[in-house]
Amino acid sequence: MNVTTEQLFTEARTHNGFRAEPIPDATLRELYDLMKWGPTSANCSPARIVFVRTREAKERLLAGMSPGNVQKTREAPVTAVIGMDLAFPDKLPFLFPHADARAWFAGNEPLVEATAFRNSSLQAGYFIVAARALGLDCGPMSGFDPAIVDAAFWAGTRIRTNLVCNLGHGDPSKLFGRSPRLPFDEACRIE
């Protein structure tokens, strides 16, 4: 795989429209197999993903999307619902076997929630970079009703939706002009 910083960052864009080009299951598996290697605290890996592709699943998802996100989500070949598993400590004996990391979280729901949110957000970033490395375009969104999306995809679990990300091959005609970014001196300082 020959990936450039342009492909991952400087030339990559958030897409609002996608060509009607399917994404094979093998590509979705490859995407997960790349993103799962990104580091998380205590290797907790709380992200859980549902790849929404069927018409029936899309309709369930669309019921919870904000109006401005409905059409682009309908048209995307795949939409990833990226959740955070609040039961992630149960996986720590496997994921972090050299310490009793599960005990760190026992009875501390605020720590569980903060850790799940922080690390699943980090994993969502890895997800976007991995998708771009595989030649896919992304449209991450936070405009949705979490109660509706959770009920549609995570009912009966301790998983809660963190964000939603459309995937496919972007339609350049539907891109907005490139928005600016803060310069180093406004966003950073060195001490």
N, C-alpha and C. Protein backbone atom coordinates (compact mmCIF):
# COMPACT_ATOMS: atom_id res chain seq x y z
N MET A 1 0.84 -1.17 0.00
CA MET A 1 0.00 0.00 0.00
C MET A 1 0.89 1.23 0.00
N ASN A 2 0.71 2.05 -1.00
CA ASN A 2 1.49 3.27 -1.12
C ASN A 2 0.57 4.46 -0.87
N VAL A 3 0.56 4.96 0.37
CA VAL A 3 -0.34 6.01 0.79
C VAL A 3 0.44 7.29 1.02
N THR A 4 -0.14 8.41 0.63
CA THR A 4 0.53 9.70 0.79
C THR A 4 -0.18 10.55 1.84
N THR A 5 0.54 11.53 2.35
CA THR A 5 -0.10 12.46 3.29
C THR A 5 -1.20 13.26 2.60
N GLU A 6 -1.07 13.48 1.30
CA GLU A 6 -2.12 14.17 0.55
C GLU A 6 -3.41 13.34 0.58
N GLN A 7 -3.27 12.04 0.35
CA GLN A 7 -4.43 11.14 0.32
C GLN A 7 -5.11 11.08 1.69
N LEU A 8 -4.32 11.13 2.74
CA LEU A 8 -4.87 11.01 4.09
C LEU A 8 -5.35 12.34 4.66
N PHE A 9 -4.67 13.46 4.31
CA PHE A 9 -4.95 14.72 4.98
C PHE A 9 -5.15 15.90 4.05
N THR A 10 -4.09 16.36 3.39
CA THR A 10 -4.15 17.67 2.74
C THR A 10 -5.06 17.73 1.52
N GLU A 11 -5.24 16.64 0.80
CA GLU A 11 -6.14 16.63 -0.35
C GLU A 11 -7.46 15.92 -0.05
N ALA A 12 -7.54 15.23 1.07
CA ALA A 12 -8.76 14.53 1.44
C ALA A 12 -9.83 15.53 1.84
N ARG A 13 -11.07 15.19 1.57
CA ARG A 13 -12.18 16.10 1.85
C ARG A 13 -13.30 15.34 2.55
N THR A 14 -14.15 16.08 3.24
CA THR A 14 -15.37 15.51 3.79
C THR A 14 -16.41 15.54 2.68
N HIS A 15 -16.89 14.37 2.30
CA HIS A 15 -17.80 14.28 1.16
C HIS A 15 -19.26 14.32 1.58
N ASN A 16 -20.04 15.03 0.77
CA ASN A 16 -21.47 15.16 0.98
C ASN A 16 -22.28 14.40 -0.05
N GLY A 17 -21.61 13.84 -1.04
CA GLY A 17 -22.27 13.06 -2.07
C GLY A 17 -21.33 11.98 -2.56
N PHE A 18 -21.92 10.87 -2.99
CA PHE A 18 -21.12 9.71 -3.39
C PHE A 18 -21.63 9.14 -4.70
N ARG A 19 -20.72 8.59 -5.49
CA ARG A 19 -21.10 7.87 -6.71
C ARG A 19 -21.74 6.55 -6.31
N ALA A 20 -22.58 6.04 -7.16
CA ALA A 20 -23.28 4.78 -6.89
C ALA A 20 -22.37 3.60 -7.22
N GLU A 21 -21.32 3.48 -6.44
CA GLU A 21 -20.32 2.43 -6.63
C GLU A 21 -20.27 1.61 -5.35
N PRO A 22 -20.59 0.33 -5.41
CA PRO A 22 -20.64 -0.47 -4.18
C PRO A 22 -19.26 -0.65 -3.54
N ILE A 23 -19.30 -0.91 -2.24
CA ILE A 23 -18.08 -1.23 -1.49
C ILE A 23 -18.18 -2.69 -1.09
N PRO A 24 -17.26 -3.53 -1.55
CA PRO A 24 -17.33 -4.96 -1.22
C PRO A 24 -17.11 -5.23 0.27
N ASP A 25 -17.69 -6.32 0.75
CA ASP A 25 -17.49 -6.74 2.14
C ASP A 25 -16.01 -6.85 2.47
N ALA A 26 -15.22 -7.35 1.52
CA ALA A 26 -13.78 -7.53 1.77
C ALA A 26 -13.11 -6.19 2.08
N THR A 27 -13.56 -5.12 1.46
CA THR A 27 -12.99 -3.80 1.72
C THR A 27 -13.37 -3.32 3.12
N LEU A 28 -14.60 -3.59 3.53
CA LEU A 28 -15.03 -3.21 4.88
C LEU A 28 -14.24 -3.98 5.94
N ARG A 29 -13.98 -5.25 5.68
CA ARG A 29 -13.16 -6.04 6.60
C ARG A 29 -11.73 -5.52 6.64
N GLU A 30 -11.19 -5.16 5.47
CA GLU A 30 -9.83 -4.62 5.41
C GLU A 30 -9.76 -3.28 6.15
N LEU A 31 -10.78 -2.48 6.03
CA LEU A 31 -10.86 -1.21 6.73
C LEU A 31 -10.78 -1.43 8.25
N TYR A 32 -11.61 -2.33 8.76
CA TYR A 32 -11.55 -2.61 10.20
C TYR A 32 -10.19 -3.18 10.60
N ASP A 33 -9.66 -4.09 9.78
CA ASP A 33 -8.38 -4.72 10.11
C ASP A 33 -7.22 -3.72 10.13
N LEU A 34 -7.36 -2.60 9.45
CA LEU A 34 -6.36 -1.53 9.55
C LEU A 34 -6.59 -0.67 10.79
N MET A 35 -7.84 -0.21 10.96
CA MET A 35 -8.09 0.74 12.05
C MET A 35 -7.93 0.13 13.42
N LYS A 36 -8.10 -1.17 13.56
CA LYS A 36 -8.05 -1.79 14.89
C LYS A 36 -6.66 -1.72 15.52
N TRP A 37 -5.62 -1.45 14.71
CA TRP A 37 -4.26 -1.41 15.23
C TRP A 37 -3.89 -0.06 15.84
N GLY A 38 -4.73 0.95 15.67
CA GLY A 38 -4.45 2.25 16.28
C GLY A 38 -4.50 2.14 17.80
N PRO A 39 -3.61 2.81 18.50
CA PRO A 39 -3.55 2.68 19.96
C PRO A 39 -4.74 3.31 20.67
N THR A 40 -5.14 2.65 21.77
CA THR A 40 -6.14 3.19 22.70
C THR A 40 -5.59 2.96 24.10
N SER A 41 -6.12 3.69 25.08
CA SER A 41 -5.61 3.54 26.44
C SER A 41 -5.90 2.14 26.95
N ALA A 42 -4.89 1.49 27.50
CA ALA A 42 -4.98 0.10 27.98
C ALA A 42 -5.53 -0.83 26.92
N ASN A 43 -5.32 -0.47 25.66
CA ASN A 43 -5.80 -1.27 24.53
C ASN A 43 -7.30 -1.57 24.66
N CYS A 44 -8.06 -0.64 25.24
CA CYS A 44 -9.47 -0.91 25.56
C CYS A 44 -10.36 -1.07 24.34
N SER A 45 -10.04 -0.47 23.23
CA SER A 45 -10.73 -0.67 21.95
C SER A 45 -12.25 -0.71 22.07
N PRO A 46 -12.89 0.37 22.54
CA PRO A 46 -14.33 0.32 22.77
C PRO A 46 -15.20 0.54 21.54
N ALA A 47 -14.62 0.90 20.41
CA ALA A 47 -15.44 1.17 19.23
C ALA A 47 -16.10 -0.12 18.73
N ARG A 48 -17.36 0.01 18.37
CA ARG A 48 -18.11 -1.06 17.72
C ARG A 48 -18.75 -0.44 16.49
N ILE A 49 -18.80 -1.16 15.39
CA ILE A 49 -19.23 -0.59 14.12
C ILE A 49 -20.30 -1.45 13.49
N VAL A 50 -21.36 -0.80 13.02
CA VAL A 50 -22.35 -1.44 12.16
C VAL A 50 -22.20 -0.78 10.80
N PHE A 51 -21.92 -1.57 9.77
CA PHE A 51 -21.86 -1.07 8.40
C PHE A 51 -23.26 -1.19 7.82
N VAL A 52 -23.91 -0.07 7.62
CA VAL A 52 -25.30 -0.02 7.16
C VAL A 52 -25.29 0.09 5.65
N ARG A 53 -25.89 -0.92 5.01
CA ARG A 53 -25.88 -0.94 3.55
C ARG A 53 -27.24 -1.28 2.96
N THR A 54 -28.00 -2.15 3.60
CA THR A 54 -29.27 -2.57 3.02
C THR A 54 -30.30 -1.45 3.09
N ARG A 55 -31.28 -1.52 2.21
CA ARG A 55 -32.35 -0.51 2.20
C ARG A 55 -33.08 -0.47 3.54
N GLU A 56 -33.38 -1.63 4.09
CA GLU A 56 -34.11 -1.70 5.37
C GLU A 56 -33.30 -1.07 6.50
N ALA A 57 -32.02 -1.39 6.56
CA ALA A 57 -31.16 -0.81 7.61
C ALA A 57 -30.99 0.69 7.40
N LYS A 58 -30.87 1.12 6.15
CA LYS A 58 -30.74 2.56 5.87
C LYS A 58 -31.99 3.30 6.35
N GLU A 59 -33.17 2.73 6.12
CA GLU A 59 -34.40 3.39 6.56
C GLU A 59 -34.43 3.55 8.08
N ARG A 60 -33.98 2.53 8.80
CA ARG A 60 -33.91 2.64 10.26
C ARG A 60 -32.95 3.76 10.67
N LEU A 61 -31.82 3.85 9.97
CA LEU A 61 -30.85 4.90 10.28
C LEU A 61 -31.39 6.28 9.91
N LEU A 62 -32.01 6.40 8.74
CA LEU A 62 -32.50 7.69 8.28
C LEU A 62 -33.53 8.28 9.23
N ALA A 63 -34.27 7.43 9.93
CA ALA A 63 -35.27 7.91 10.89
C ALA A 63 -34.63 8.72 12.01
N GLY A 64 -33.35 8.49 12.26
CA GLY A 64 -32.66 9.21 13.33
C GLY A 64 -31.71 10.29 12.86
N MET A 65 -31.57 10.48 11.56
CA MET A 65 -30.63 11.48 11.06
C MET A 65 -31.25 12.87 11.03
N SER A 66 -30.45 13.88 11.29
CA SER A 66 -30.90 15.27 11.17
C SER A 66 -31.27 15.53 9.72
N PRO A 67 -32.23 16.45 9.48
CA PRO A 67 -32.69 16.67 8.10
C PRO A 67 -31.58 16.93 7.09
N GLY A 68 -30.56 17.69 7.47
CA GLY A 68 -29.48 17.99 6.53
C GLY A 68 -28.58 16.81 6.19
N ASN A 69 -28.71 15.73 6.94
CA ASN A 69 -27.87 14.55 6.70
C ASN A 69 -28.62 13.38 6.05
N VAL A 70 -29.93 13.53 5.84
CA VAL A 70 -30.73 12.42 5.33
C VAL A 70 -30.34 12.04 3.90
N GLN A 71 -30.36 13.00 2.98
CA GLN A 71 -30.14 12.68 1.56
C GLN A 71 -28.74 12.10 1.33
N LYS A 72 -27.71 12.71 1.91
CA LYS A 72 -26.36 12.21 1.67
C LYS A 72 -26.16 10.83 2.29
N THR A 73 -26.85 10.56 3.40
CA THR A 73 -26.77 9.23 4.02
C THR A 73 -27.52 8.22 3.17
N ARG A 74 -28.66 8.62 2.62
CA ARG A 74 -29.42 7.72 1.75
C ARG A 74 -28.59 7.32 0.53
N GLU A 75 -27.85 8.26 -0.03
CA GLU A 75 -27.10 8.02 -1.26
C GLU A 75 -25.76 7.32 -1.05
N ALA A 76 -25.21 7.38 0.15
CA ALA A 76 -23.90 6.76 0.39
C ALA A 76 -24.01 5.24 0.25
N PRO A 77 -23.06 4.61 -0.40
CA PRO A 77 -23.10 3.15 -0.53
C PRO A 77 -23.12 2.42 0.81
N VAL A 78 -22.38 2.97 1.78
CA VAL A 78 -22.32 2.39 3.12
C VAL A 78 -22.26 3.53 4.12
N THR A 79 -22.94 3.35 5.24
CA THR A 79 -22.82 4.29 6.34
C THR A 79 -22.39 3.49 7.57
N ALA A 80 -21.32 3.92 8.20
CA ALA A 80 -20.83 3.25 9.40
C ALA A 80 -21.41 3.96 10.62
N VAL A 81 -22.08 3.19 11.46
CA VAL A 81 -22.52 3.70 12.76
C VAL A 81 -21.44 3.26 13.74
N ILE A 82 -20.71 4.22 14.26
CA ILE A 82 -19.59 3.93 15.15
C ILE A 82 -20.04 4.16 16.58
N GLY A 83 -20.09 3.07 17.32
CA GLY A 83 -20.56 3.14 18.69
C GLY A 83 -19.43 2.99 19.69
N MET A 84 -19.77 3.25 20.95
CA MET A 84 -18.82 3.06 22.05
C MET A 84 -19.44 2.05 23.01
N ASP A 85 -18.71 0.99 23.25
CA ASP A 85 -19.20 -0.09 24.10
C ASP A 85 -18.88 0.21 25.55
N LEU A 86 -19.92 0.49 26.34
CA LEU A 86 -19.73 0.78 27.75
C LEU A 86 -19.41 -0.48 28.55
N ALA A 87 -19.50 -1.63 27.91
CA ALA A 87 -19.10 -2.88 28.54
C ALA A 87 -17.68 -3.29 28.14
N PHE A 88 -16.91 -2.34 27.59
CA PHE A 88 -15.55 -2.66 27.14
C PHE A 88 -14.69 -3.27 28.24
N PRO A 89 -14.87 -2.92 29.55
CA PRO A 89 -13.99 -3.54 30.56
C PRO A 89 -14.06 -5.07 30.57
N ASP A 90 -15.18 -5.64 30.12
CA ASP A 90 -15.30 -7.10 30.08
C ASP A 90 -14.33 -7.73 29.08
N LYS A 91 -13.87 -6.96 28.11
CA LYS A 91 -12.92 -7.46 27.10
C LYS A 91 -11.46 -7.25 27.52
N LEU A 92 -11.24 -6.51 28.61
CA LEU A 92 -9.86 -6.19 29.00
C LEU A 92 -9.01 -7.39 29.39
N PRO A 93 -9.56 -8.46 29.99
CA PRO A 93 -8.69 -9.61 30.24
C PRO A 93 -8.06 -10.17 28.97
N PHE A 94 -8.78 -10.07 27.85
CA PHE A 94 -8.23 -10.50 26.56
C PHE A 94 -7.33 -9.42 25.95
N LEU A 95 -7.80 -8.17 25.96
CA LEU A 95 -7.10 -7.09 25.28
C LEU A 95 -5.89 -6.55 26.04
N PHE A 96 -5.90 -6.66 27.37
CA PHE A 96 -4.82 -6.13 28.20
C PHE A 96 -4.49 -7.18 29.25
N PRO A 97 -3.94 -8.33 28.84
CA PRO A 97 -3.79 -9.48 29.73
C PRO A 97 -2.71 -9.36 30.80
N HIS A 98 -1.83 -8.38 30.70
CA HIS A 98 -0.71 -8.30 31.63
C HIS A 98 -1.04 -7.51 32.91
N ALA A 99 -2.31 -7.09 33.07
CA ALA A 99 -2.73 -6.42 34.31
C ALA A 99 -4.23 -6.62 34.48
N ASP A 100 -4.73 -6.46 35.68
CA ASP A 100 -6.16 -6.58 35.93
C ASP A 100 -6.82 -5.23 35.65
N ALA A 101 -6.85 -4.86 34.38
CA ALA A 101 -7.38 -3.55 33.98
C ALA A 101 -8.88 -3.45 34.20
N ARG A 102 -9.57 -4.57 34.16
CA ARG A 102 -11.02 -4.52 34.39
C ARG A 102 -11.30 -3.93 35.78
N ALA A 103 -10.49 -4.24 36.76
CA ALA A 103 -10.68 -3.73 38.12
C ALA A 103 -10.58 -2.20 38.19
N TRP A 104 -9.83 -1.59 37.29
CA TRP A 104 -9.70 -0.14 37.29
C TRP A 104 -11.04 0.56 37.09
N PHE A 105 -11.96 -0.13 36.40
CA PHE A 105 -13.23 0.47 36.01
C PHE A 105 -14.41 0.01 36.86
N ALA A 106 -14.20 -1.00 37.69
CA ALA A 106 -15.29 -1.58 38.48
C ALA A 106 -15.94 -0.52 39.37
N GLY A 107 -17.25 -0.35 39.21
CA GLY A 107 -18.01 0.58 40.03
C GLY A 107 -17.78 2.05 39.72
N ASN A 108 -17.10 2.36 38.64
CA ASN A 108 -16.79 3.75 38.30
C ASN A 108 -17.35 4.07 36.92
N GLU A 109 -18.68 4.23 36.87
CA GLU A 109 -19.35 4.47 35.60
C GLU A 109 -18.88 5.76 34.91
N PRO A 110 -18.62 6.85 35.64
CA PRO A 110 -18.09 8.04 34.94
C PRO A 110 -16.76 7.76 34.22
N LEU A 111 -15.88 6.97 34.83
CA LEU A 111 -14.62 6.62 34.18
C LEU A 111 -14.87 5.73 32.96
N VAL A 112 -15.80 4.78 33.08
CA VAL A 112 -16.16 3.92 31.94
C VAL A 112 -16.64 4.78 30.78
N GLU A 113 -17.58 5.70 31.06
CA GLU A 113 -18.15 6.53 30.00
C GLU A 113 -17.11 7.44 29.35
N ALA A 114 -16.28 8.08 30.17
CA ALA A 114 -15.26 8.97 29.62
C ALA A 114 -14.24 8.20 28.79
N THR A 115 -13.84 7.04 29.27
CA THR A 115 -12.86 6.22 28.55
C THR A 115 -13.45 5.70 27.25
N ALA A 116 -14.69 5.24 27.29
CA ALA A 116 -15.34 4.73 26.07
C ALA A 116 -15.49 5.84 25.04
N PHE A 117 -15.92 7.02 25.48
CA PHE A 117 -16.11 8.12 24.54
C PHE A 117 -14.78 8.57 23.94
N ARG A 118 -13.80 8.80 24.80
CA ARG A 118 -12.50 9.29 24.33
C ARG A 118 -11.86 8.30 23.35
N ASN A 119 -11.84 7.05 23.72
CA ASN A 119 -11.13 6.07 22.89
C ASN A 119 -11.90 5.65 21.65
N SER A 120 -13.24 5.63 21.71
CA SER A 120 -13.99 5.33 20.48
C SER A 120 -13.90 6.51 19.52
N SER A 121 -13.78 7.73 20.04
CA SER A 121 -13.56 8.89 19.17
C SER A 121 -12.20 8.80 18.50
N LEU A 122 -11.20 8.39 19.26
CA LEU A 122 -9.87 8.18 18.71
C LEU A 122 -9.92 7.11 17.61
N GLN A 123 -10.64 6.01 17.89
CA GLN A 123 -10.76 4.95 16.90
C GLN A 123 -11.53 5.41 15.66
N ALA A 124 -12.48 6.33 15.84
CA ALA A 124 -13.19 6.87 14.68
C ALA A 124 -12.22 7.64 13.78
N GLY A 125 -11.28 8.35 14.39
CA GLY A 125 -10.25 9.01 13.59
C GLY A 125 -9.40 8.01 12.83
N TYR A 126 -9.02 6.93 13.49
CA TYR A 126 -8.27 5.87 12.80
C TYR A 126 -9.11 5.29 11.66
N PHE A 127 -10.41 5.15 11.90
CA PHE A 127 -11.32 4.62 10.89
C PHE A 127 -11.28 5.48 9.63
N ILE A 128 -11.35 6.80 9.81
CA ILE A 128 -11.34 7.71 8.67
C ILE A 128 -10.02 7.63 7.93
N VAL A 129 -8.91 7.62 8.65
CA VAL A 129 -7.60 7.53 8.01
C VAL A 129 -7.45 6.19 7.28
N ALA A 130 -7.91 5.10 7.88
CA ALA A 130 -7.84 3.79 7.23
C ALA A 130 -8.69 3.77 5.97
N ALA A 131 -9.89 4.34 6.04
CA ALA A 131 -10.76 4.38 4.86
C ALA A 131 -10.08 5.16 3.73
N ARG A 132 -9.50 6.30 4.06
CA ARG A 132 -8.81 7.09 3.05
C ARG A 132 -7.61 6.34 2.48
N ALA A 133 -6.90 5.60 3.33
CA ALA A 133 -5.75 4.81 2.86
C ALA A 133 -6.18 3.75 1.85
N LEU A 134 -7.42 3.27 1.99
CA LEU A 134 -7.95 2.26 1.07
C LEU A 134 -8.61 2.87 -0.16
N GLY A 135 -8.54 4.20 -0.29
CA GLY A 135 -9.11 4.87 -1.45
C GLY A 135 -10.58 5.23 -1.32
N LEU A 136 -11.12 5.13 -0.11
CA LEU A 136 -12.51 5.51 0.10
C LEU A 136 -12.58 6.97 0.57
N ASP A 137 -13.72 7.58 0.32
CA ASP A 137 -13.99 8.92 0.82
C ASP A 137 -14.95 8.80 2.00
N CYS A 138 -14.91 9.78 2.89
CA CYS A 138 -15.69 9.75 4.12
C CYS A 138 -16.51 11.01 4.29
N GLY A 139 -17.62 10.84 4.99
CA GLY A 139 -18.45 11.97 5.39
C GLY A 139 -18.88 11.77 6.83
N PRO A 140 -18.00 12.07 7.81
CA PRO A 140 -18.37 11.89 9.21
C PRO A 140 -19.41 12.93 9.64
N MET A 141 -20.32 12.51 10.52
CA MET A 141 -21.42 13.38 10.95
C MET A 141 -21.74 13.15 12.41
N SER A 142 -22.18 14.22 13.06
CA SER A 142 -22.71 14.09 14.41
C SER A 142 -24.17 14.53 14.45
N GLY A 143 -24.77 14.84 13.34
CA GLY A 143 -26.16 15.28 13.28
C GLY A 143 -27.13 14.11 13.22
N PHE A 144 -27.48 13.59 14.39
CA PHE A 144 -28.43 12.48 14.47
C PHE A 144 -29.03 12.46 15.87
N ASP A 145 -30.15 11.76 16.01
CA ASP A 145 -30.78 11.58 17.32
C ASP A 145 -30.23 10.29 17.91
N PRO A 146 -29.38 10.38 18.94
CA PRO A 146 -28.74 9.17 19.46
C PRO A 146 -29.73 8.13 20.00
N ALA A 147 -30.84 8.56 20.57
CA ALA A 147 -31.81 7.58 21.10
C ALA A 147 -32.40 6.74 19.97
N ILE A 148 -32.70 7.36 18.84
CA ILE A 148 -33.27 6.62 17.70
C ILE A 148 -32.23 5.69 17.10
N VAL A 149 -31.03 6.18 16.89
CA VAL A 149 -29.98 5.36 16.28
C VAL A 149 -29.59 4.22 17.23
N ASP A 150 -29.48 4.51 18.52
CA ASP A 150 -29.15 3.45 19.49
C ASP A 150 -30.23 2.36 19.48
N ALA A 151 -31.50 2.75 19.47
CA ALA A 151 -32.59 1.78 19.47
C ALA A 151 -32.58 0.95 18.19
N ALA A 152 -32.20 1.57 17.08
CA ALA A 152 -32.20 0.86 15.80
C ALA A 152 -31.06 -0.13 15.65
N PHE A 153 -29.91 0.15 16.28
CA PHE A 153 -28.72 -0.67 16.03
C PHE A 153 -28.08 -1.30 17.26
N TRP A 154 -28.36 -0.78 18.45
CA TRP A 154 -27.68 -1.28 19.63
C TRP A 154 -28.64 -1.74 20.73
N ALA A 155 -29.90 -1.92 20.42
CA ALA A 155 -30.90 -2.29 21.44
C ALA A 155 -30.44 -3.52 22.22
N GLY A 156 -30.63 -3.48 23.53
CA GLY A 156 -30.27 -4.61 24.38
C GLY A 156 -28.80 -4.73 24.70
N THR A 157 -28.02 -3.71 24.34
CA THR A 157 -26.58 -3.74 24.61
C THR A 157 -26.21 -2.50 25.43
N ARG A 158 -24.96 -2.43 25.81
CA ARG A 158 -24.44 -1.22 26.48
C ARG A 158 -23.66 -0.35 25.49
N ILE A 159 -23.92 -0.53 24.22
CA ILE A 159 -23.26 0.26 23.18
C ILE A 159 -24.12 1.49 22.88
N ARG A 160 -23.45 2.64 22.76
CA ARG A 160 -24.11 3.90 22.44
C ARG A 160 -23.41 4.51 21.23
N THR A 161 -24.19 5.13 20.35
CA THR A 161 -23.63 5.71 19.14
C THR A 161 -22.78 6.93 19.47
N ASN A 162 -21.58 6.96 18.90
CA ASN A 162 -20.69 8.09 19.04
C ASN A 162 -20.83 9.00 17.83
N LEU A 163 -20.69 8.45 16.62
CA LEU A 163 -20.83 9.23 15.40
C LEU A 163 -21.22 8.32 14.25
N VAL A 164 -21.55 8.95 13.14
CA VAL A 164 -21.96 8.24 11.94
C VAL A 164 -21.04 8.72 10.81
N CYS A 165 -20.65 7.81 9.91
CA CYS A 165 -19.73 8.18 8.85
C CYS A 165 -20.14 7.53 7.53
N ASN A 166 -20.48 8.35 6.54
CA ASN A 166 -20.77 7.83 5.21
C ASN A 166 -19.46 7.43 4.54
N LEU A 167 -19.54 6.35 3.76
CA LEU A 167 -18.37 5.84 3.04
C LEU A 167 -18.70 5.60 1.58
N GLY A 168 -17.74 5.82 0.73
CA GLY A 168 -17.91 5.51 -0.68
C GLY A 168 -16.84 6.20 -1.50
N HIS A 169 -17.16 6.36 -2.77
CA HIS A 169 -16.30 7.10 -3.69
C HIS A 169 -17.01 8.42 -3.95
N GLY A 170 -16.42 9.48 -3.45
CA GLY A 170 -17.07 10.79 -3.44
C GLY A 170 -17.37 11.34 -4.81
N ASP A 171 -18.42 12.14 -4.85
CA ASP A 171 -18.81 12.87 -6.04
C ASP A 171 -18.25 14.28 -5.89
N PRO A 172 -17.17 14.60 -6.64
CA PRO A 172 -16.52 15.92 -6.47
C PRO A 172 -17.45 17.09 -6.75
N SER A 173 -18.50 16.88 -7.54
CA SER A 173 -19.41 17.99 -7.86
C SER A 173 -20.24 18.42 -6.65
N LYS A 174 -20.26 17.61 -5.60
CA LYS A 174 -21.05 17.93 -4.41
C LYS A 174 -20.19 18.43 -3.25
N LEU A 175 -18.92 18.70 -3.53
CA LEU A 175 -18.04 19.23 -2.48
C LEU A 175 -18.27 20.72 -2.29
N PHE A 176 -18.18 21.16 -1.06
CA PHE A 176 -18.15 22.60 -0.77
C PHE A 176 -16.72 23.08 -1.00
N GLY A 177 -16.56 24.39 -1.09
CA GLY A 177 -15.21 24.93 -1.16
C GLY A 177 -14.44 24.56 0.10
N ARG A 178 -13.15 24.44 -0.04
CA ARG A 178 -12.32 24.03 1.09
C ARG A 178 -12.39 25.06 2.21
N SER A 179 -12.76 24.63 3.38
CA SER A 179 -12.83 25.54 4.53
C SER A 179 -11.43 25.74 5.12
N PRO A 180 -11.19 26.92 5.72
CA PRO A 180 -9.87 27.17 6.29
C PRO A 180 -9.64 26.36 7.57
N ARG A 181 -8.41 26.32 8.00
CA ARG A 181 -8.01 25.71 9.26
C ARG A 181 -7.23 26.75 10.05
N LEU A 182 -7.23 26.60 11.35
CA LEU A 182 -6.49 27.54 12.18
C LEU A 182 -4.99 27.39 11.94
N PRO A 183 -4.25 28.49 11.91
CA PRO A 183 -2.80 28.39 11.81
C PRO A 183 -2.21 27.88 13.13
N PHE A 184 -1.00 27.39 13.06
CA PHE A 184 -0.31 26.82 14.20
C PHE A 184 -0.38 27.74 15.42
N ASP A 185 -0.08 29.02 15.25
CA ASP A 185 0.01 29.95 16.37
C ASP A 185 -1.33 30.21 17.06
N GLU A 186 -2.43 29.94 16.39
CA GLU A 186 -3.75 30.09 17.02
C GLU A 186 -4.22 28.80 17.69
N ALA A 187 -3.69 27.68 17.27
CA ALA A 187 -4.15 26.40 17.79
C ALA A 187 -3.15 25.72 18.73
N CYS A 188 -1.91 26.18 18.70
CA CYS A 188 -0.86 25.48 19.44
C CYS A 188 0.05 26.47 20.14
N ARG A 189 0.76 25.95 21.11
CA ARG A 189 1.87 26.69 21.70
C ARG A 189 2.90 25.67 22.17
N ILE A 190 4.10 26.10 22.20
CA ILE A 190 5.20 25.25 22.65
C ILE A 190 5.72 25.85 23.96
N GLU A 191 5.77 25.04 25.00
CA GLU A 191 6.25 25.52 26.30
C GLU A 191 7.49 24.79 26.71
